[in-house]
Structures are given as C-alpha cells and as structure tokens.
N, C-alpha and C. Protein backbone atom coordinates (compact mmCIF):
# COMPACT_ATOMS: atom_id res chain seq x y z
N MET A 1 6.83 8.27 -17.83
CA MET A 1 6.05 7.82 -19.09
C MET A 1 4.97 6.76 -18.65
N ALA A 2 3.77 7.02 -18.77
CA ALA A 2 2.73 6.05 -18.31
C ALA A 2 2.28 5.25 -19.48
N ASN A 3 1.20 4.40 -19.40
CA ASN A 3 0.85 3.49 -20.49
C ASN A 3 0.11 4.22 -21.52
N ARG A 4 -0.25 5.40 -21.39
CA ARG A 4 -1.05 6.12 -22.40
C ARG A 4 -0.14 6.25 -23.68
N GLY A 5 -0.74 5.87 -24.82
CA GLY A 5 -0.02 5.96 -26.02
C GLY A 5 0.75 4.77 -26.46
N LEU A 6 0.89 3.79 -25.51
CA LEU A 6 1.64 2.56 -25.74
C LEU A 6 0.68 1.49 -26.42
N THR A 7 1.26 0.70 -27.18
CA THR A 7 0.63 -0.48 -27.83
C THR A 7 0.27 -1.46 -26.62
N ALA A 8 -0.53 -2.42 -26.72
CA ALA A 8 -0.78 -3.42 -25.74
C ALA A 8 0.62 -4.18 -25.41
N LYS A 9 1.31 -4.47 -26.51
CA LYS A 9 2.66 -5.16 -26.34
C LYS A 9 3.55 -4.18 -25.48
N GLY A 10 3.64 -2.96 -25.85
CA GLY A 10 4.55 -1.98 -25.13
C GLY A 10 4.14 -1.90 -23.73
N ALA A 11 2.87 -1.78 -23.52
CA ALA A 11 2.37 -1.55 -22.09
C ALA A 11 2.71 -2.78 -21.24
N ALA A 12 2.68 -3.97 -21.83
CA ALA A 12 2.97 -5.26 -21.17
C ALA A 12 4.41 -5.28 -20.88
N THR A 13 5.28 -4.86 -21.89
CA THR A 13 6.67 -4.86 -21.65
C THR A 13 7.15 -3.87 -20.52
N ARG A 14 6.52 -2.67 -20.56
CA ARG A 14 6.84 -1.74 -19.51
C ARG A 14 6.33 -2.21 -18.19
N GLN A 15 5.20 -2.94 -18.09
CA GLN A 15 4.78 -3.42 -16.74
C GLN A 15 5.61 -4.53 -16.29
N ARG A 16 6.21 -5.37 -17.25
CA ARG A 16 7.07 -6.49 -16.83
C ARG A 16 8.36 -5.94 -16.22
N ILE A 17 8.80 -4.75 -16.75
CA ILE A 17 9.93 -4.16 -16.19
C ILE A 17 9.67 -3.63 -14.74
N VAL A 18 8.60 -3.05 -14.68
CA VAL A 18 8.21 -2.45 -13.37
C VAL A 18 8.05 -3.46 -12.31
N ASP A 19 7.35 -4.58 -12.65
CA ASP A 19 7.12 -5.73 -11.74
C ASP A 19 8.47 -6.30 -11.29
N GLY A 20 9.34 -6.49 -12.24
CA GLY A 20 10.69 -7.05 -11.93
C GLY A 20 11.44 -6.14 -11.03
N ALA A 21 11.43 -4.90 -11.36
CA ALA A 21 12.31 -3.87 -10.46
C ALA A 21 11.59 -3.90 -9.05
N ALA A 22 10.16 -3.88 -9.06
CA ALA A 22 9.51 -3.93 -7.68
C ALA A 22 10.04 -5.11 -6.79
N ALA A 23 10.07 -6.25 -7.44
CA ALA A 23 10.29 -7.48 -6.69
C ALA A 23 11.80 -7.38 -6.27
N LEU A 24 12.68 -6.83 -7.07
CA LEU A 24 14.08 -6.69 -6.67
C LEU A 24 14.21 -5.68 -5.47
N ILE A 25 13.45 -4.61 -5.69
CA ILE A 25 13.58 -3.47 -4.60
C ILE A 25 12.98 -4.01 -3.30
N ARG A 26 11.92 -4.78 -3.24
CA ARG A 26 11.50 -5.40 -1.93
C ARG A 26 12.43 -6.33 -1.41
N LEU A 27 13.19 -6.99 -2.12
CA LEU A 27 14.15 -7.94 -1.73
C LEU A 27 15.52 -7.30 -1.24
N LYS A 28 16.03 -6.30 -1.97
CA LYS A 28 17.41 -5.79 -1.75
C LYS A 28 17.39 -4.32 -1.35
N GLY A 29 16.19 -3.61 -1.62
CA GLY A 29 16.16 -2.10 -1.44
C GLY A 29 16.63 -1.33 -2.66
N PRO A 30 16.26 -0.10 -2.68
CA PRO A 30 16.54 0.68 -3.92
C PRO A 30 17.93 0.94 -3.97
N GLY A 31 18.67 1.14 -2.82
CA GLY A 31 20.13 1.49 -2.96
C GLY A 31 20.96 0.45 -3.39
N ALA A 32 20.55 -0.95 -3.25
CA ALA A 32 21.34 -2.06 -3.72
C ALA A 32 20.77 -2.61 -5.02
N THR A 33 19.86 -2.06 -5.62
CA THR A 33 19.30 -2.52 -6.92
C THR A 33 19.71 -1.47 -7.93
N ASN A 34 20.50 -1.97 -9.01
CA ASN A 34 20.94 -0.96 -10.06
C ASN A 34 20.28 -1.54 -11.38
N LEU A 35 20.42 -0.69 -12.35
CA LEU A 35 19.72 -1.00 -13.74
C LEU A 35 20.23 -2.31 -14.24
N ASP A 36 21.37 -2.69 -14.03
CA ASP A 36 21.88 -3.95 -14.68
C ASP A 36 21.15 -5.14 -13.99
N ASP A 37 20.90 -5.06 -12.69
CA ASP A 37 20.11 -5.94 -11.95
C ASP A 37 18.71 -6.13 -12.61
N VAL A 38 18.07 -4.99 -12.92
CA VAL A 38 16.75 -4.98 -13.44
C VAL A 38 16.83 -5.64 -14.90
N LEU A 39 17.80 -5.24 -15.70
CA LEU A 39 17.87 -5.72 -17.00
C LEU A 39 18.00 -7.28 -17.00
N GLU A 40 18.88 -7.79 -16.13
CA GLU A 40 18.97 -9.24 -16.08
C GLU A 40 17.73 -9.97 -15.63
N ALA A 41 17.07 -9.42 -14.54
CA ALA A 41 15.97 -10.08 -13.90
C ALA A 41 14.76 -10.08 -14.89
N THR A 42 14.72 -9.05 -15.62
CA THR A 42 13.55 -8.91 -16.65
C THR A 42 13.81 -9.24 -18.10
N ALA A 43 14.97 -9.73 -18.33
CA ALA A 43 15.42 -10.06 -19.75
C ALA A 43 15.06 -8.92 -20.73
N THR A 44 15.55 -7.77 -20.25
CA THR A 44 15.29 -6.52 -21.06
C THR A 44 16.65 -5.96 -21.44
N SER A 45 16.62 -5.33 -22.75
CA SER A 45 17.87 -4.72 -23.20
C SER A 45 17.82 -3.28 -22.72
N LYS A 46 18.98 -2.74 -22.65
CA LYS A 46 19.20 -1.32 -22.12
C LYS A 46 18.33 -0.42 -23.04
N SER A 47 18.33 -0.59 -24.39
CA SER A 47 17.63 0.35 -25.18
C SER A 47 16.10 0.25 -24.92
N GLN A 48 15.65 -0.95 -24.56
CA GLN A 48 14.22 -1.08 -24.25
C GLN A 48 13.89 -0.19 -22.84
N LEU A 49 14.76 -0.51 -21.91
CA LEU A 49 14.57 0.11 -20.62
C LEU A 49 14.46 1.59 -20.78
N PHE A 50 15.44 2.22 -21.59
CA PHE A 50 15.44 3.59 -21.69
C PHE A 50 14.33 4.12 -22.66
N HIS A 51 13.78 3.25 -23.35
CA HIS A 51 12.69 3.65 -24.22
C HIS A 51 11.46 3.94 -23.34
N TYR A 52 11.25 3.12 -22.44
CA TYR A 52 10.10 3.27 -21.45
C TYR A 52 10.43 4.16 -20.37
N PHE A 53 11.74 4.35 -19.93
CA PHE A 53 12.05 5.11 -18.79
C PHE A 53 13.25 6.03 -19.26
N PRO A 54 12.96 7.08 -19.97
CA PRO A 54 13.92 7.95 -20.58
C PRO A 54 15.01 8.49 -19.55
N ASN A 55 14.66 8.73 -18.35
CA ASN A 55 15.63 9.28 -17.33
C ASN A 55 16.14 8.09 -16.57
N GLY A 56 16.01 6.92 -17.05
CA GLY A 56 16.66 5.77 -16.36
C GLY A 56 16.07 5.48 -14.88
N ARG A 57 17.02 5.43 -14.05
CA ARG A 57 16.72 4.92 -12.66
C ARG A 57 15.70 5.86 -12.08
N GLU A 58 15.73 7.11 -12.19
CA GLU A 58 14.85 8.11 -11.65
C GLU A 58 13.31 7.76 -12.07
N ASP A 59 13.07 7.56 -13.39
CA ASP A 59 11.78 7.32 -13.92
C ASP A 59 11.36 5.92 -13.40
N LEU A 60 12.28 4.94 -13.44
CA LEU A 60 11.85 3.63 -13.05
C LEU A 60 11.47 3.64 -11.55
N LEU A 61 12.30 4.27 -10.64
CA LEU A 61 11.89 4.16 -9.27
C LEU A 61 10.51 4.87 -9.07
N GLN A 62 10.30 5.98 -9.82
CA GLN A 62 8.90 6.60 -9.73
C GLN A 62 7.78 5.68 -10.13
N ALA A 63 8.06 4.92 -11.20
CA ALA A 63 7.17 3.99 -11.75
C ALA A 63 6.76 2.82 -10.76
N VAL A 64 7.91 2.41 -10.16
CA VAL A 64 7.78 1.31 -9.06
C VAL A 64 6.96 1.85 -7.87
N ALA A 65 7.28 3.08 -7.49
CA ALA A 65 6.56 3.64 -6.44
C ALA A 65 5.11 3.76 -6.59
N ARG A 66 4.69 4.19 -7.78
CA ARG A 66 3.35 4.31 -8.16
C ARG A 66 2.80 2.91 -8.21
N HIS A 67 3.35 1.99 -8.73
CA HIS A 67 2.94 0.62 -8.86
C HIS A 67 2.71 0.10 -7.40
N GLU A 68 3.60 0.25 -6.50
CA GLU A 68 3.49 -0.30 -5.14
C GLU A 68 2.32 0.42 -4.43
N ALA A 69 2.18 1.71 -4.68
CA ALA A 69 1.05 2.42 -4.00
C ALA A 69 -0.26 1.91 -4.50
N ASP A 70 -0.38 1.63 -5.75
CA ASP A 70 -1.64 1.10 -6.33
C ASP A 70 -1.89 -0.31 -5.75
N GLN A 71 -0.76 -1.09 -5.57
CA GLN A 71 -1.02 -2.41 -5.10
C GLN A 71 -1.54 -2.43 -3.60
N VAL A 72 -1.02 -1.42 -2.82
CA VAL A 72 -1.49 -1.38 -1.45
C VAL A 72 -2.93 -1.09 -1.39
N LEU A 73 -3.49 -0.22 -2.28
CA LEU A 73 -4.84 0.06 -2.11
C LEU A 73 -5.74 -1.00 -2.80
N ALA A 74 -5.27 -1.64 -3.96
CA ALA A 74 -6.06 -2.64 -4.47
C ALA A 74 -6.22 -3.82 -3.71
N ALA A 75 -5.29 -4.11 -2.80
CA ALA A 75 -5.40 -5.29 -1.99
C ALA A 75 -6.52 -5.23 -0.94
N GLN A 76 -6.93 -3.94 -0.69
CA GLN A 76 -7.99 -3.79 0.30
C GLN A 76 -9.41 -3.58 -0.32
N GLN A 77 -9.47 -3.78 -1.58
CA GLN A 77 -10.86 -3.75 -2.27
C GLN A 77 -11.47 -5.06 -2.34
N PRO A 78 -12.80 -5.07 -2.36
CA PRO A 78 -13.71 -3.99 -2.57
C PRO A 78 -14.11 -3.27 -1.16
N TYR A 79 -13.42 -3.87 -0.11
CA TYR A 79 -13.98 -3.32 1.20
C TYR A 79 -13.75 -1.87 1.51
N LEU A 80 -12.54 -1.48 1.20
CA LEU A 80 -12.07 -0.16 1.57
C LEU A 80 -12.98 0.97 0.97
N ALA A 81 -13.51 0.77 -0.09
CA ALA A 81 -14.49 1.72 -0.85
C ALA A 81 -15.85 1.76 -0.19
N ASP A 82 -16.13 0.81 0.72
CA ASP A 82 -17.59 0.69 1.25
C ASP A 82 -17.60 0.40 2.75
N LEU A 83 -16.82 1.14 3.48
CA LEU A 83 -16.71 0.72 4.90
C LEU A 83 -18.01 1.49 5.64
N THR A 84 -19.09 0.96 5.25
CA THR A 84 -20.27 1.58 5.89
C THR A 84 -21.17 0.71 6.75
N SER A 85 -20.65 -0.30 7.12
CA SER A 85 -21.30 -1.29 8.06
C SER A 85 -20.22 -2.00 8.93
N GLY A 86 -20.66 -2.59 10.00
CA GLY A 86 -19.77 -3.43 10.79
C GLY A 86 -19.20 -4.59 10.07
N ARG A 87 -20.15 -5.12 9.26
CA ARG A 87 -19.76 -6.39 8.46
C ARG A 87 -18.61 -5.98 7.40
N MET A 88 -18.74 -4.82 6.73
CA MET A 88 -17.61 -4.44 5.89
C MET A 88 -16.31 -3.99 6.61
N TRP A 89 -16.49 -3.47 7.71
CA TRP A 89 -15.26 -3.16 8.56
C TRP A 89 -14.56 -4.46 8.87
N GLN A 90 -15.33 -5.55 9.36
CA GLN A 90 -14.71 -6.72 9.73
C GLN A 90 -14.17 -7.41 8.57
N ALA A 91 -14.77 -7.39 7.41
CA ALA A 91 -14.26 -8.08 6.24
C ALA A 91 -12.92 -7.31 5.80
N TRP A 92 -12.92 -5.99 5.96
CA TRP A 92 -11.71 -5.24 5.53
C TRP A 92 -10.52 -5.56 6.44
N ARG A 93 -10.84 -5.66 7.77
CA ARG A 93 -9.91 -6.00 8.74
C ARG A 93 -9.24 -7.32 8.38
N THR A 94 -10.13 -8.35 8.20
CA THR A 94 -9.76 -9.72 7.90
C THR A 94 -8.77 -9.77 6.60
N ALA A 95 -9.22 -8.94 5.69
CA ALA A 95 -8.42 -8.86 4.36
C ALA A 95 -7.09 -8.20 4.54
N VAL A 96 -6.94 -7.27 5.34
CA VAL A 96 -5.70 -6.48 5.64
C VAL A 96 -4.74 -7.50 6.46
N VAL A 97 -5.19 -8.10 7.37
CA VAL A 97 -4.31 -8.96 8.15
C VAL A 97 -3.90 -10.19 7.31
N ALA A 98 -4.87 -10.76 6.54
CA ALA A 98 -4.50 -11.87 5.70
C ALA A 98 -3.48 -11.44 4.60
N HIS A 99 -3.58 -10.30 4.13
CA HIS A 99 -2.72 -9.85 3.01
C HIS A 99 -1.31 -9.71 3.51
N TYR A 100 -1.20 -8.93 4.63
CA TYR A 100 0.06 -8.72 5.10
C TYR A 100 0.76 -9.96 5.76
N GLY A 101 -0.04 -10.81 6.31
CA GLY A 101 0.45 -12.02 6.77
C GLY A 101 1.05 -12.87 5.78
N GLU A 102 0.37 -12.93 4.47
CA GLU A 102 0.84 -13.74 3.41
C GLU A 102 2.12 -13.10 2.80
N LEU A 103 2.13 -11.79 2.77
CA LEU A 103 3.40 -11.11 2.12
C LEU A 103 4.61 -11.05 3.13
N GLY A 104 4.31 -10.93 4.30
CA GLY A 104 5.40 -10.70 5.21
C GLY A 104 6.32 -9.45 4.95
N ASP A 105 7.61 -9.78 4.77
CA ASP A 105 8.57 -8.63 4.51
C ASP A 105 8.64 -8.30 3.08
N ARG A 106 7.79 -8.89 2.24
CA ARG A 106 7.79 -8.64 0.87
C ARG A 106 6.61 -7.64 0.38
N CYS A 107 6.11 -6.95 1.36
CA CYS A 107 4.95 -6.14 1.22
C CYS A 107 5.24 -4.82 0.58
N PRO A 108 4.31 -4.38 -0.46
CA PRO A 108 4.64 -2.99 -1.06
C PRO A 108 4.61 -1.92 -0.13
N LEU A 109 3.94 -1.95 0.99
CA LEU A 109 3.82 -0.80 1.94
C LEU A 109 5.22 -0.68 2.65
N GLY A 110 5.83 -1.70 2.91
CA GLY A 110 7.19 -1.61 3.55
C GLY A 110 8.20 -1.03 2.56
N ALA A 111 8.14 -1.60 1.37
CA ALA A 111 9.08 -1.04 0.26
C ALA A 111 8.86 0.54 0.04
N LEU A 112 7.60 0.94 0.04
CA LEU A 112 7.34 2.27 -0.18
C LEU A 112 7.84 3.18 0.98
N THR A 113 7.42 2.85 2.20
CA THR A 113 7.71 3.74 3.29
C THR A 113 9.14 3.63 3.83
N ALA A 114 9.73 2.44 3.79
CA ALA A 114 11.02 2.38 4.39
C ALA A 114 12.12 2.60 3.36
N GLN A 115 11.78 2.50 2.17
CA GLN A 115 12.83 2.48 1.05
C GLN A 115 12.64 3.52 -0.01
N LEU A 116 11.59 3.31 -0.85
CA LEU A 116 11.24 4.14 -2.02
C LEU A 116 10.92 5.54 -1.65
N GLY A 117 10.30 5.84 -0.48
CA GLY A 117 9.87 7.18 -0.12
C GLY A 117 11.08 8.06 0.19
N LYS A 118 12.25 7.51 0.27
CA LYS A 118 13.39 8.38 0.49
C LYS A 118 14.28 8.65 -0.64
N THR A 119 13.86 8.12 -1.79
CA THR A 119 14.71 8.24 -2.96
C THR A 119 14.75 9.56 -3.72
N SER A 120 13.47 10.25 -3.71
CA SER A 120 13.37 11.54 -4.50
C SER A 120 12.13 12.25 -3.97
N PRO A 121 12.09 13.55 -4.24
CA PRO A 121 10.88 14.28 -3.89
C PRO A 121 9.66 13.71 -4.49
N ARG A 122 9.64 13.19 -5.77
CA ARG A 122 8.48 12.76 -6.43
C ARG A 122 8.04 11.44 -5.79
N THR A 123 8.91 10.55 -5.48
CA THR A 123 8.56 9.25 -4.86
C THR A 123 7.93 9.61 -3.44
N ARG A 124 8.47 10.57 -2.76
CA ARG A 124 7.83 10.96 -1.52
C ARG A 124 6.36 11.56 -1.73
N GLU A 125 6.28 12.26 -2.81
CA GLU A 125 4.83 12.73 -3.16
C GLU A 125 3.88 11.61 -3.47
N ILE A 126 4.41 10.45 -3.95
CA ILE A 126 3.56 9.47 -4.39
C ILE A 126 3.25 8.78 -3.01
N VAL A 127 4.13 8.58 -2.07
CA VAL A 127 3.73 8.04 -0.75
C VAL A 127 2.83 8.75 -0.10
N SER A 128 2.96 10.19 -0.01
CA SER A 128 2.00 11.13 0.58
C SER A 128 0.63 10.95 -0.12
N GLU A 129 0.55 10.81 -1.46
CA GLU A 129 -0.77 10.74 -2.13
C GLU A 129 -1.43 9.39 -1.64
N LEU A 130 -0.55 8.34 -1.53
CA LEU A 130 -1.10 7.09 -1.11
C LEU A 130 -1.74 7.27 0.33
N TYR A 131 -1.13 7.80 1.23
CA TYR A 131 -1.67 7.94 2.56
C TYR A 131 -2.94 8.85 2.60
N GLY A 132 -2.85 9.90 1.67
CA GLY A 132 -3.98 10.85 1.64
C GLY A 132 -5.26 10.00 1.10
N THR A 133 -5.04 9.30 0.11
CA THR A 133 -6.20 8.49 -0.46
C THR A 133 -6.68 7.46 0.50
N TRP A 134 -5.87 6.84 1.19
CA TRP A 134 -6.12 5.78 2.17
C TRP A 134 -6.83 6.36 3.43
N GLU A 135 -6.25 7.44 3.90
CA GLU A 135 -6.92 8.07 5.04
C GLU A 135 -8.35 8.63 4.68
N ALA A 136 -8.55 9.08 3.41
CA ALA A 136 -9.94 9.65 3.03
C ALA A 136 -10.86 8.44 3.02
N CYS A 137 -10.43 7.20 2.50
CA CYS A 137 -11.30 6.08 2.52
C CYS A 137 -11.73 5.73 3.94
N LEU A 138 -10.70 5.64 4.82
CA LEU A 138 -10.99 5.29 6.19
C LEU A 138 -11.88 6.27 6.84
N LEU A 139 -11.64 7.61 6.58
CA LEU A 139 -12.41 8.61 7.17
C LEU A 139 -13.85 8.60 6.79
N ALA A 140 -14.18 8.28 5.51
CA ALA A 140 -15.51 8.03 4.95
C ALA A 140 -16.18 6.94 5.75
N GLY A 141 -15.45 5.84 5.96
CA GLY A 141 -16.02 4.84 6.66
C GLY A 141 -16.35 5.11 8.16
N VAL A 142 -15.37 5.81 8.88
CA VAL A 142 -15.59 6.16 10.21
C VAL A 142 -16.87 7.15 10.35
N GLN A 143 -16.89 8.06 9.35
CA GLN A 143 -18.00 9.07 9.44
C GLN A 143 -19.32 8.26 9.14
N ALA A 144 -19.33 7.25 8.26
CA ALA A 144 -20.63 6.49 8.05
C ALA A 144 -20.96 5.82 9.44
N MET A 145 -19.98 5.29 10.12
CA MET A 145 -20.46 4.68 11.36
C MET A 145 -20.69 5.55 12.51
N ALA A 146 -20.14 6.84 12.39
CA ALA A 146 -20.56 7.86 13.37
C ALA A 146 -21.99 8.24 13.18
N GLU A 147 -22.43 8.27 11.97
CA GLU A 147 -23.81 8.69 11.58
C GLU A 147 -24.71 7.66 12.07
N GLN A 148 -24.26 6.46 12.23
CA GLN A 148 -25.17 5.34 12.78
C GLN A 148 -25.04 5.18 14.26
N GLY A 149 -24.28 6.11 14.91
CA GLY A 149 -24.04 6.04 16.37
C GLY A 149 -23.17 4.99 16.84
N ALA A 150 -22.29 4.63 15.98
CA ALA A 150 -21.36 3.45 16.23
C ALA A 150 -19.90 3.96 16.40
N LEU A 151 -19.70 5.22 16.72
CA LEU A 151 -18.38 5.82 17.12
C LEU A 151 -18.48 6.21 18.57
N SER A 152 -17.42 5.87 19.39
CA SER A 152 -17.44 6.21 20.72
C SER A 152 -17.61 7.78 20.93
N PRO A 153 -18.36 8.26 21.91
CA PRO A 153 -18.38 9.63 22.13
C PRO A 153 -17.08 10.32 22.37
N GLY A 154 -16.85 11.52 21.87
CA GLY A 154 -15.57 12.22 22.20
C GLY A 154 -14.41 11.92 21.23
N ILE A 155 -14.68 10.99 20.35
CA ILE A 155 -13.66 10.56 19.35
C ILE A 155 -13.88 11.19 18.00
N ALA A 156 -13.03 12.09 17.59
CA ALA A 156 -13.15 12.72 16.26
C ALA A 156 -13.02 11.66 15.18
N PRO A 157 -13.82 11.69 14.12
CA PRO A 157 -13.64 10.82 13.13
C PRO A 157 -12.22 10.86 12.45
N GLU A 158 -11.70 12.05 12.30
CA GLU A 158 -10.36 12.20 11.69
C GLU A 158 -9.33 11.48 12.65
N THR A 159 -9.48 11.63 13.97
CA THR A 159 -8.49 10.94 14.82
C THR A 159 -8.60 9.44 14.74
N ALA A 160 -9.77 8.99 14.73
CA ALA A 160 -9.97 7.43 14.56
C ALA A 160 -9.40 6.98 13.21
N ALA A 161 -9.63 7.70 12.07
CA ALA A 161 -9.11 7.27 10.89
C ALA A 161 -7.53 7.19 10.80
N ARG A 162 -7.05 8.30 11.48
CA ARG A 162 -5.64 8.32 11.35
C ARG A 162 -5.00 7.30 12.28
N GLY A 163 -5.68 7.01 13.44
CA GLY A 163 -5.19 5.97 14.29
C GLY A 163 -5.17 4.63 13.61
N ILE A 164 -6.17 4.33 12.93
CA ILE A 164 -6.23 3.07 12.24
C ILE A 164 -5.21 2.87 11.18
N LEU A 165 -4.90 4.09 10.47
CA LEU A 165 -3.88 4.05 9.37
C LEU A 165 -2.51 3.85 10.07
N ALA A 166 -2.33 4.61 11.16
CA ALA A 166 -0.99 4.45 11.93
C ALA A 166 -0.79 3.06 12.45
N ALA A 167 -1.85 2.43 12.90
CA ALA A 167 -1.73 1.07 13.41
C ALA A 167 -1.30 0.08 12.36
N ILE A 168 -1.82 0.26 11.12
CA ILE A 168 -1.32 -0.59 10.10
C ILE A 168 0.04 -0.41 9.78
N GLN A 169 0.39 0.84 9.61
CA GLN A 169 1.88 1.22 9.27
C GLN A 169 2.75 0.64 10.39
N GLY A 170 2.42 0.92 11.59
CA GLY A 170 3.28 0.38 12.66
C GLY A 170 3.37 -1.16 12.76
N GLY A 171 2.20 -1.73 12.53
CA GLY A 171 2.14 -3.13 12.52
C GLY A 171 3.00 -3.83 11.45
N VAL A 172 2.87 -3.18 10.21
CA VAL A 172 3.65 -3.84 9.07
C VAL A 172 5.16 -3.58 9.43
N LEU A 173 5.61 -2.48 9.95
CA LEU A 173 7.02 -2.37 10.31
C LEU A 173 7.43 -3.35 11.31
N MET A 174 6.60 -3.57 12.25
CA MET A 174 6.92 -4.72 13.35
C MET A 174 6.99 -6.08 12.69
N LEU A 175 6.02 -6.26 11.79
CA LEU A 175 5.93 -7.53 11.12
C LEU A 175 7.36 -7.79 10.32
N GLN A 176 7.78 -6.76 9.62
CA GLN A 176 9.12 -6.82 8.96
C GLN A 176 10.17 -7.00 9.81
N ALA A 177 10.27 -6.34 10.98
CA ALA A 177 11.34 -6.46 11.98
C ALA A 177 11.42 -7.78 12.70
N THR A 178 10.22 -8.36 12.96
CA THR A 178 10.05 -9.58 13.95
C THR A 178 9.60 -10.81 13.25
N GLY A 179 8.93 -10.63 12.08
CA GLY A 179 8.29 -11.77 11.47
C GLY A 179 6.87 -12.14 12.14
N SER A 180 6.47 -11.39 13.12
CA SER A 180 5.27 -11.70 13.84
C SER A 180 4.14 -10.77 13.38
N LEU A 181 2.98 -11.42 13.11
CA LEU A 181 1.83 -10.74 12.77
C LEU A 181 1.05 -10.13 13.88
N ASP A 182 1.40 -10.54 15.16
CA ASP A 182 0.70 -10.16 16.33
C ASP A 182 0.59 -8.70 16.54
N TYR A 183 1.67 -7.97 16.19
CA TYR A 183 1.61 -6.55 16.52
C TYR A 183 0.61 -5.83 15.60
N LEU A 184 0.50 -6.30 14.25
CA LEU A 184 -0.56 -5.66 13.47
C LEU A 184 -1.89 -5.96 13.91
N VAL A 185 -2.05 -7.20 14.29
CA VAL A 185 -3.46 -7.57 14.74
C VAL A 185 -3.83 -6.72 16.06
N ALA A 186 -2.90 -6.72 16.95
CA ALA A 186 -3.13 -5.93 18.25
C ALA A 186 -3.36 -4.46 17.97
N GLY A 187 -2.47 -3.97 17.23
CA GLY A 187 -2.61 -2.46 16.92
C GLY A 187 -3.84 -2.07 16.11
N LEU A 188 -4.31 -2.97 15.19
CA LEU A 188 -5.45 -2.71 14.37
C LEU A 188 -6.79 -2.84 15.31
N ASP A 189 -6.74 -3.85 16.05
CA ASP A 189 -7.89 -4.08 16.88
C ASP A 189 -8.04 -2.89 17.87
N ALA A 190 -6.89 -2.48 18.43
CA ALA A 190 -6.92 -1.32 19.35
C ALA A 190 -7.36 -0.09 18.81
N ALA A 191 -6.95 0.18 17.46
CA ALA A 191 -7.30 1.38 16.79
C ALA A 191 -8.84 1.40 16.38
N MET A 192 -9.31 0.20 16.05
CA MET A 192 -10.72 0.08 15.64
C MET A 192 -11.73 0.04 16.89
N PHE A 193 -11.15 -0.08 18.07
CA PHE A 193 -11.94 -0.36 19.22
C PHE A 193 -13.16 0.81 19.46
N PRO A 194 -12.74 2.09 19.03
CA PRO A 194 -13.90 3.06 19.19
C PRO A 194 -15.09 2.88 18.30
N LEU A 195 -14.91 2.04 17.19
CA LEU A 195 -15.95 1.72 16.38
C LEU A 195 -16.76 0.54 16.96
N ALA A 196 -17.99 0.68 17.18
CA ALA A 196 -18.87 -0.29 17.81
C ALA A 196 -19.29 -1.24 16.82
N ILE A 197 -18.35 -2.07 16.32
CA ILE A 197 -18.59 -3.06 15.31
C ILE A 197 -18.45 -4.46 15.79
N ARG A 198 -18.10 -4.68 17.08
CA ARG A 198 -18.00 -5.95 17.70
C ARG A 198 -19.43 -6.58 17.72
N GLY A 199 -19.50 -7.85 17.35
CA GLY A 199 -20.78 -8.49 17.31
C GLY A 199 -21.76 -8.13 16.30
N GLN A 200 -21.19 -7.31 15.25
CA GLN A 200 -21.97 -6.81 14.12
C GLN A 200 -21.66 -7.65 12.92
N ALA A 201 -21.27 -8.91 13.02
CA ALA A 201 -21.01 -9.63 11.86
C ALA A 201 -21.99 -9.75 10.80
N GLY A 202 -23.15 -9.62 11.17
CA GLY A 202 -24.28 -9.67 10.21
C GLY A 202 -24.91 -8.39 9.94
N ALA A 203 -24.15 -7.18 10.33
CA ALA A 203 -24.70 -5.91 10.07
C ALA A 203 -24.79 -5.57 8.68
C-alpha cells in the first residue's frame, strides 16, 4: 500500500511507521525485529499498522526496503543526476564519502544488501531495481566523460560504471565490518581512476 489515496495525516502516520521500522532493522536486522518492536518504537496500535500494511510483516519489510532504496539515491543528489563534468564527479565523490562516513553502520545500503534483500523475492527485486537505477546514472556520467575524451582508452563505459558501483558496495561493507572509511575511499578512488577528472576541480 503506497501513499496514493491516503490523507496527509494517513501518509504521515504510514511514513512514521516505516521510518521507525527502518531504524530498528538497521540496528537489529530484520530477523530480530518483530511487529511488537515496531509498535512500541512508533507508538502505533496493531489496528493502525495492519490498516497501512494489510499483510503485516511482509508488506512492512517491502515498504522499508523501498524507503531505504530511495534514501540511498536521494543522498547522492543533485550530483548523481548530472555527472557530466570533472567538477560534478568530484562533488559526487565527496558527498558519497561524507554520507557513509557520517552514517557508519547505520546506512540504508548495508541494511538493504546485507539484510532486507534476503527476506523475500519482492525485496530482492527492490534491491535489484536500486542497483539498476544507480548503475544507469553512473553509466550516463561515464559516457559523458568518454565523449569529452576523459575516459582511459580500452575501458568500456559499462565496466567503469559497474566498477565504481562495486567499489561503493565493497567499501560500505568494509566500513560496517571495521568502522574504517579508508576502504571506501581507496576503492572509490581506484575505480574512478580511469576517468581523467584529477585536477578538474574547476571543470
């Protein structure tokens, strides 16, 4: 059940439940988070929860997965939608590193890929959709740089885009495991190396 057809108050209530469930799942994981936990954390009655999520836990987990996926992409804007210059790539990189450095092990990406993505076929589809959208944005940016002659010869744009995305995913997992941001920084810089953006801060 999406927000379509809900009153403003109803949409706010539904979002409050999703936000609270997302925070619990980031902290405890979906397996250790039950509906009673969500009810208590969000001060919601059982009848309210099932009004917005008729299938209970399954619907709620899907809503949380969608919410977390949207958060991952929103945190990278406006840069992700306009990776057409060295300046925008550098600004995007700075934003990504700062965002995950601030969140640490509370990041939506980790909750999605390490936890929520395993709960049901629908949540896996949501994760796949996230990666598809993310990769498409990166690919558009890499292609824009290639048209400017700023991509190393012999590197396919698809390969470069996927390498950058994989570097973020791996760096975030290492951040969660070790508490160190260094792996994300090193991986992202290595993946972006084929893009000739170094020294283009004013591009």
